[in-house]
């Protein structure tokens, strides 16, 4: 308890640390030479006014998006397993099958499909093939320029 009181008394001061609120990195006594990237030179004069900066302009790009419908039917963290299932599903389906990596998962998706009804039918077919987790996914993707 006594140690705590001593510590608090030491920390409670007048609120002034004796430091100036403005710091001049070139204001150390006895340092008249500055070495920059292997070049020795005189200490630069301090700036009297702040340097104006040009605001950074980020160009706006008009990108159109479109909605695609696919069926996600398999998810795993094992890349080799995902590759094996991808090969089997690609041979069994008449639509493109793709693998996407979304850390830490490899997701297998079939499509794109033209309608929600077609996606529902494919999801039923995939469930019958043993992929019980098949579900319809709608995604916004950047439209490709025509």
C-alpha atoms as a PDB file:
ATOM      1  CA  UNK A   1       0.000   0.000   0.000  1.00  0.00           C
ATOM      2  CA  UNK A   2       2.858   2.325   0.866  1.00  0.00           C
ATOM      3  CA  UNK A   3       4.528   1.596  -2.486  1.00  0.00           C
ATOM      4  CA  UNK A   4       1.330   2.519  -4.305  1.00  0.00           C
ATOM      5  CA  UNK A   5       1.114   5.857  -2.474  1.00  0.00           C
ATOM      6  CA  UNK A   6       4.758   6.632  -3.260  1.00  0.00           C
ATOM      7  CA  UNK A   7       4.209   5.797  -6.910  1.00  0.00           C
ATOM      8  CA  UNK A   8       1.098   7.968  -7.140  1.00  0.00           C
ATOM      9  CA  UNK A   9       2.859  10.850  -5.430  1.00  0.00           C
ATOM     10  CA  UNK A  10       5.734  10.587  -7.904  1.00  0.00           C
ATOM     11  CA  UNK A  11       3.367  10.598 -10.885  1.00  0.00           C
ATOM     12  CA  UNK A  12       1.308  13.515  -9.650  1.00  0.00           C
ATOM     13  CA  UNK A  13       3.219  16.583 -10.630  1.00  0.00           C
ATOM     14  CA  UNK A  14       2.428  20.045 -11.753  1.00  0.00           C
ATOM     15  CA  UNK A  15       1.269  18.663 -15.120  1.00  0.00           C
ATOM     16  CA  UNK A  16       4.218  20.148 -16.945  1.00  0.00           C
ATOM     17  CA  UNK A  17       6.906  17.804 -18.114  1.00  0.00           C
ATOM     18  CA  UNK A  18       9.243  20.621 -19.072  1.00  0.00           C
ATOM     19  CA  UNK A  19       9.035  19.660 -22.742  1.00  0.00           C
ATOM     20  CA  UNK A  20       8.092  22.060 -25.475  1.00  0.00           C
ATOM     21  CA  UNK A  21       5.047  21.153 -27.539  1.00  0.00           C
ATOM     22  CA  UNK A  22       7.058  21.897 -30.686  1.00  0.00           C
ATOM     23  CA  UNK A  23       9.842  19.472 -31.534  1.00  0.00           C
ATOM     24  CA  UNK A  24      12.727  20.449 -33.768  1.00  0.00           C
ATOM     25  CA  UNK A  25      14.700  17.382 -34.834  1.00  0.00           C
ATOM     26  CA  UNK A  26      17.540  19.628 -35.977  1.00  0.00           C
ATOM     27  CA  UNK A  27      17.705  21.506 -32.695  1.00  0.00           C
ATOM     28  CA  UNK A  28      20.087  19.195 -30.856  1.00  0.00           C
ATOM     29  CA  UNK A  29      23.232  21.007 -29.727  1.00  0.00           C
ATOM     30  CA  UNK A  30      26.493  20.056 -31.364  1.00  0.00           C
ATOM     31  CA  UNK A  31      24.983  18.516 -34.472  1.00  0.00           C
ATOM     32  CA  UNK A  32      25.965  20.704 -37.396  1.00  0.00           C
ATOM     33  CA  UNK A  33      26.364  17.997 -40.027  1.00  0.00           C
ATOM     34  CA  UNK A  34      23.610  15.919 -41.590  1.00  0.00           C
ATOM     35  CA  UNK A  35      24.320  12.717 -43.497  1.00  0.00           C
ATOM     36  CA  UNK A  36      21.615  11.732 -45.955  1.00  0.00           C
ATOM     37  CA  UNK A  37      21.932   8.702 -48.221  1.00  0.00           C
ATOM     38  CA  UNK A  38      25.702   8.795 -48.042  1.00  0.00           C
ATOM     39  CA  UNK A  39      25.963  12.550 -48.777  1.00  0.00           C
ATOM     40  CA  UNK A  40      27.436  14.795 -46.098  1.00  0.00           C
ATOM     41  CA  UNK A  41      26.098  18.335 -46.028  1.00  0.00           C
ATOM     42  CA  UNK A  42      25.133  21.260 -43.874  1.00  0.00           C
ATOM     43  CA  UNK A  43      22.077  21.185 -41.679  1.00  0.00           C
ATOM     44  CA  UNK A  44      19.093  22.531 -43.647  1.00  0.00           C
ATOM     45  CA  UNK A  45      17.452  25.718 -42.529  1.00  0.00           C
ATOM     46  CA  UNK A  46      14.226  25.157 -40.605  1.00  0.00           C
ATOM     47  CA  UNK A  47      11.038  25.831 -42.536  1.00  0.00           C
ATOM     48  CA  UNK A  48       9.217  28.954 -41.533  1.00  0.00           C
ATOM     49  CA  UNK A  49       5.893  27.985 -43.098  1.00  0.00           C
ATOM     50  CA  UNK A  50       4.319  24.596 -43.577  1.00  0.00           C
ATOM     51  CA  UNK A  51       4.582  23.125 -47.037  1.00  0.00           C
ATOM     52  CA  UNK A  52       1.333  23.011 -48.951  1.00  0.00           C
ATOM     53  CA  UNK A  53       0.346  19.633 -50.263  1.00  0.00           C
ATOM     54  CA  UNK A  54      -1.701  18.951 -53.328  1.00  0.00           C
ATOM     55  CA  UNK A  55      -4.823  16.976 -52.508  1.00  0.00           C
ATOM     56  CA  UNK A  56      -4.716  13.438 -53.849  1.00  0.00           C
ATOM     57  CA  UNK A  57      -7.337  12.837 -56.485  1.00  0.00           C
ATOM     58  CA  UNK A  58      -8.521   9.289 -57.012  1.00  0.00           C
ATOM     59  CA  UNK A  59     -10.081   8.838 -60.431  1.00  0.00           C
ATOM     60  CA  UNK A  60     -13.581   7.413 -60.447  1.00  0.00           C
ATOM     61  CA  UNK A  61     -14.045   4.521 -62.805  1.00  0.00           C
ATOM     62  CA  UNK A  62     -17.529   3.739 -63.988  1.00  0.00           C
ATOM     63  CA  UNK A  63     -17.888   0.018 -63.608  1.00  0.00           C
ATOM     64  CA  UNK A  64     -21.060  -1.771 -64.365  1.00  0.00           C
ATOM     65  CA  UNK A  65     -21.983  -4.855 -62.439  1.00  0.00           C
ATOM     66  CA  UNK A  66     -24.193  -7.754 -63.287  1.00  0.00           C
ATOM     67  CA  UNK A  67     -25.764 -10.463 -61.187  1.00  0.00           C
ATOM     68  CA  UNK A  68     -24.845 -14.039 -61.903  1.00  0.00           C
ATOM     69  CA  UNK A  69     -26.460 -17.119 -60.431  1.00  0.00           C
ATOM     70  CA  UNK A  70     -24.400 -20.148 -59.464  1.00  0.00           C
ATOM     71  CA  UNK A  71     -24.756 -23.155 -57.177  1.00  0.00           C
ATOM     72  CA  UNK A  72     -22.164 -23.568 -54.447  1.00  0.00           C
ATOM     73  CA  UNK A  73     -21.990 -27.263 -53.645  1.00  0.00           C
ATOM     74  CA  UNK A  74     -18.747 -28.007 -51.835  1.00  0.00           C
ATOM     75  CA  UNK A  75     -16.490 -26.247 -49.319  1.00  0.00           C
ATOM     76  CA  UNK A  76     -13.249 -27.490 -47.800  1.00  0.00           C
ATOM     77  CA  UNK A  77      -9.961 -26.223 -46.391  1.00  0.00           C
ATOM     78  CA  UNK A  78      -8.007 -28.967 -48.173  1.00  0.00           C
ATOM     79  CA  UNK A  79      -6.781 -27.936 -51.624  1.00  0.00           C
ATOM     80  CA  UNK A  80      -6.121 -31.471 -52.869  1.00  0.00           C
ATOM     81  CA  UNK A  81      -9.615 -32.573 -51.821  1.00  0.00           C
ATOM     82  CA  UNK A  82     -11.132 -29.566 -53.609  1.00  0.00           C
ATOM     83  CA  UNK A  83      -9.189 -30.418 -56.794  1.00  0.00           C
ATOM     84  CA  UNK A  84     -10.427 -34.035 -56.680  1.00  0.00           C
ATOM     85  CA  UNK A  85     -14.070 -33.023 -56.254  1.00  0.00           C
ATOM     86  CA  UNK A  86     -13.666 -30.362 -58.960  1.00  0.00           C
ATOM     87  CA  UNK A  87     -12.479 -33.007 -61.424  1.00  0.00           C
ATOM     88  CA  UNK A  88     -15.332 -35.399 -60.634  1.00  0.00           C
ATOM     89  CA  UNK A  89     -18.008 -32.683 -60.738  1.00  0.00           C
ATOM     90  CA  UNK A  90     -16.677 -31.183 -63.984  1.00  0.00           C
ATOM     91  CA  UNK A  91     -17.053 -34.550 -65.684  1.00  0.00           C
ATOM     92  CA  UNK A  92     -20.563 -35.132 -64.335  1.00  0.00           C
ATOM     93  CA  UNK A  93     -22.114 -31.713 -64.994  1.00  0.00           C
ATOM     94  CA  UNK A  94     -22.967 -29.933 -68.234  1.00  0.00           C
ATOM     95  CA  UNK A  95     -22.219 -26.456 -66.817  1.00  0.00           C
ATOM     96  CA  UNK A  96     -18.865 -24.910 -65.911  1.00  0.00           C
ATOM     97  CA  UNK A  97     -17.514 -25.753 -62.452  1.00  0.00           C
ATOM     98  CA  UNK A  98     -15.087 -23.386 -60.778  1.00  0.00           C
ATOM     99  CA  UNK A  99     -13.071 -23.284 -57.577  1.00  0.00           C
ATOM    100  CA  UNK A 100     -12.679 -20.062 -55.605  1.00  0.00           C
ATOM    101  CA  UNK A 101     -10.387 -19.546 -52.639  1.00  0.00           C
ATOM    102  CA  UNK A 102     -11.816 -17.438 -49.817  1.00  0.00           C
ATOM    103  CA  UNK A 103      -9.385 -17.798 -46.913  1.00  0.00           C
ATOM    104  CA  UNK A 104      -9.314 -20.460 -45.535  1.00  0.00           C
ATOM    105  CA  UNK A 105     -11.928 -22.176 -47.716  1.00  0.00           C
ATOM    106  CA  UNK A 106     -11.924 -23.606 -51.222  1.00  0.00           C
ATOM    107  CA  UNK A 107     -15.443 -23.220 -52.593  1.00  0.00           C
ATOM    108  CA  UNK A 108     -16.719 -25.180 -55.581  1.00  0.00           C
ATOM    109  CA  UNK A 109     -19.449 -23.545 -57.636  1.00  0.00           C
ATOM    110  CA  UNK A 110     -21.343 -24.593 -60.751  1.00  0.00           C
ATOM    111  CA  UNK A 111     -22.599 -22.035 -63.223  1.00  0.00           C
ATOM    112  CA  UNK A 112     -23.328 -19.331 -64.211  1.00  0.00           C
ATOM    113  CA  UNK A 113     -26.921 -20.282 -64.836  1.00  0.00           C
ATOM    114  CA  UNK A 114     -29.477 -18.247 -66.804  1.00  0.00           C
ATOM    115  CA  UNK A 115     -32.318 -18.285 -64.230  1.00  0.00           C
ATOM    116  CA  UNK A 116     -33.038 -19.012 -60.601  1.00  0.00           C
ATOM    117  CA  UNK A 117     -35.213 -21.949 -61.686  1.00  0.00           C
ATOM    118  CA  UNK A 118     -32.285 -23.525 -63.553  1.00  0.00           C
ATOM    119  CA  UNK A 119     -30.112 -23.024 -60.467  1.00  0.00           C
ATOM    120  CA  UNK A 120     -32.735 -24.663 -58.221  1.00  0.00           C
ATOM    121  CA  UNK A 121     -32.879 -27.677 -60.557  1.00  0.00           C
ATOM    122  CA  UNK A 122     -29.089 -27.966 -60.563  1.00  0.00           C
ATOM    123  CA  UNK A 123     -28.994 -27.714 -56.753  1.00  0.00           C
ATOM    124  CA  UNK A 124     -31.478 -30.617 -56.533  1.00  0.00           C
ATOM    125  CA  UNK A 125     -29.364 -32.637 -58.973  1.00  0.00           C
ATOM    126  CA  UNK A 126     -26.194 -31.950 -56.965  1.00  0.00           C
ATOM    127  CA  UNK A 127     -27.922 -32.993 -53.730  1.00  0.00           C
ATOM    128  CA  UNK A 128     -28.956 -36.249 -55.419  1.00  0.00           C
ATOM    129  CA  UNK A 129     -25.286 -36.746 -56.363  1.00  0.00           C
ATOM    130  CA  UNK A 130     -24.352 -36.540 -52.668  1.00  0.00           C
ATOM    131  CA  UNK A 131     -23.509 -32.855 -52.319  1.00  0.00           C
ATOM    132  CA  UNK A 132     -26.043 -32.148 -49.552  1.00  0.00           C
ATOM    133  CA  UNK A 133     -24.776 -28.602 -48.978  1.00  0.00           C
ATOM    134  CA  UNK A 134     -25.675 -27.381 -52.498  1.00  0.00           C
ATOM    135  CA  UNK A 135     -27.324 -23.957 -52.452  1.00  0.00           C
ATOM    136  CA  UNK A 136     -28.020 -21.126 -54.881  1.00  0.00           C
ATOM    137  CA  UNK A 137     -25.703 -18.128 -54.789  1.00  0.00           C
ATOM    138  CA  UNK A 138     -26.350 -14.745 -56.423  1.00  0.00           C
ATOM    139  CA  UNK A 139     -23.219 -12.658 -56.947  1.00  0.00           C
ATOM    140  CA  UNK A 140     -22.493  -9.158 -58.192  1.00  0.00           C
ATOM    141  CA  UNK A 141     -19.562  -9.182 -60.589  1.00  0.00           C
ATOM    142  CA  UNK A 142     -17.973  -6.534 -62.774  1.00  0.00           C
ATOM    143  CA  UNK A 143     -19.431  -6.613 -66.232  1.00  0.00           C
ATOM    144  CA  UNK A 144     -16.909  -7.240 -68.964  1.00  0.00           C
ATOM    145  CA  UNK A 145     -16.676  -4.545 -71.648  1.00  0.00           C
ATOM    146  CA  UNK A 146     -18.336  -5.514 -74.908  1.00  0.00           C
END
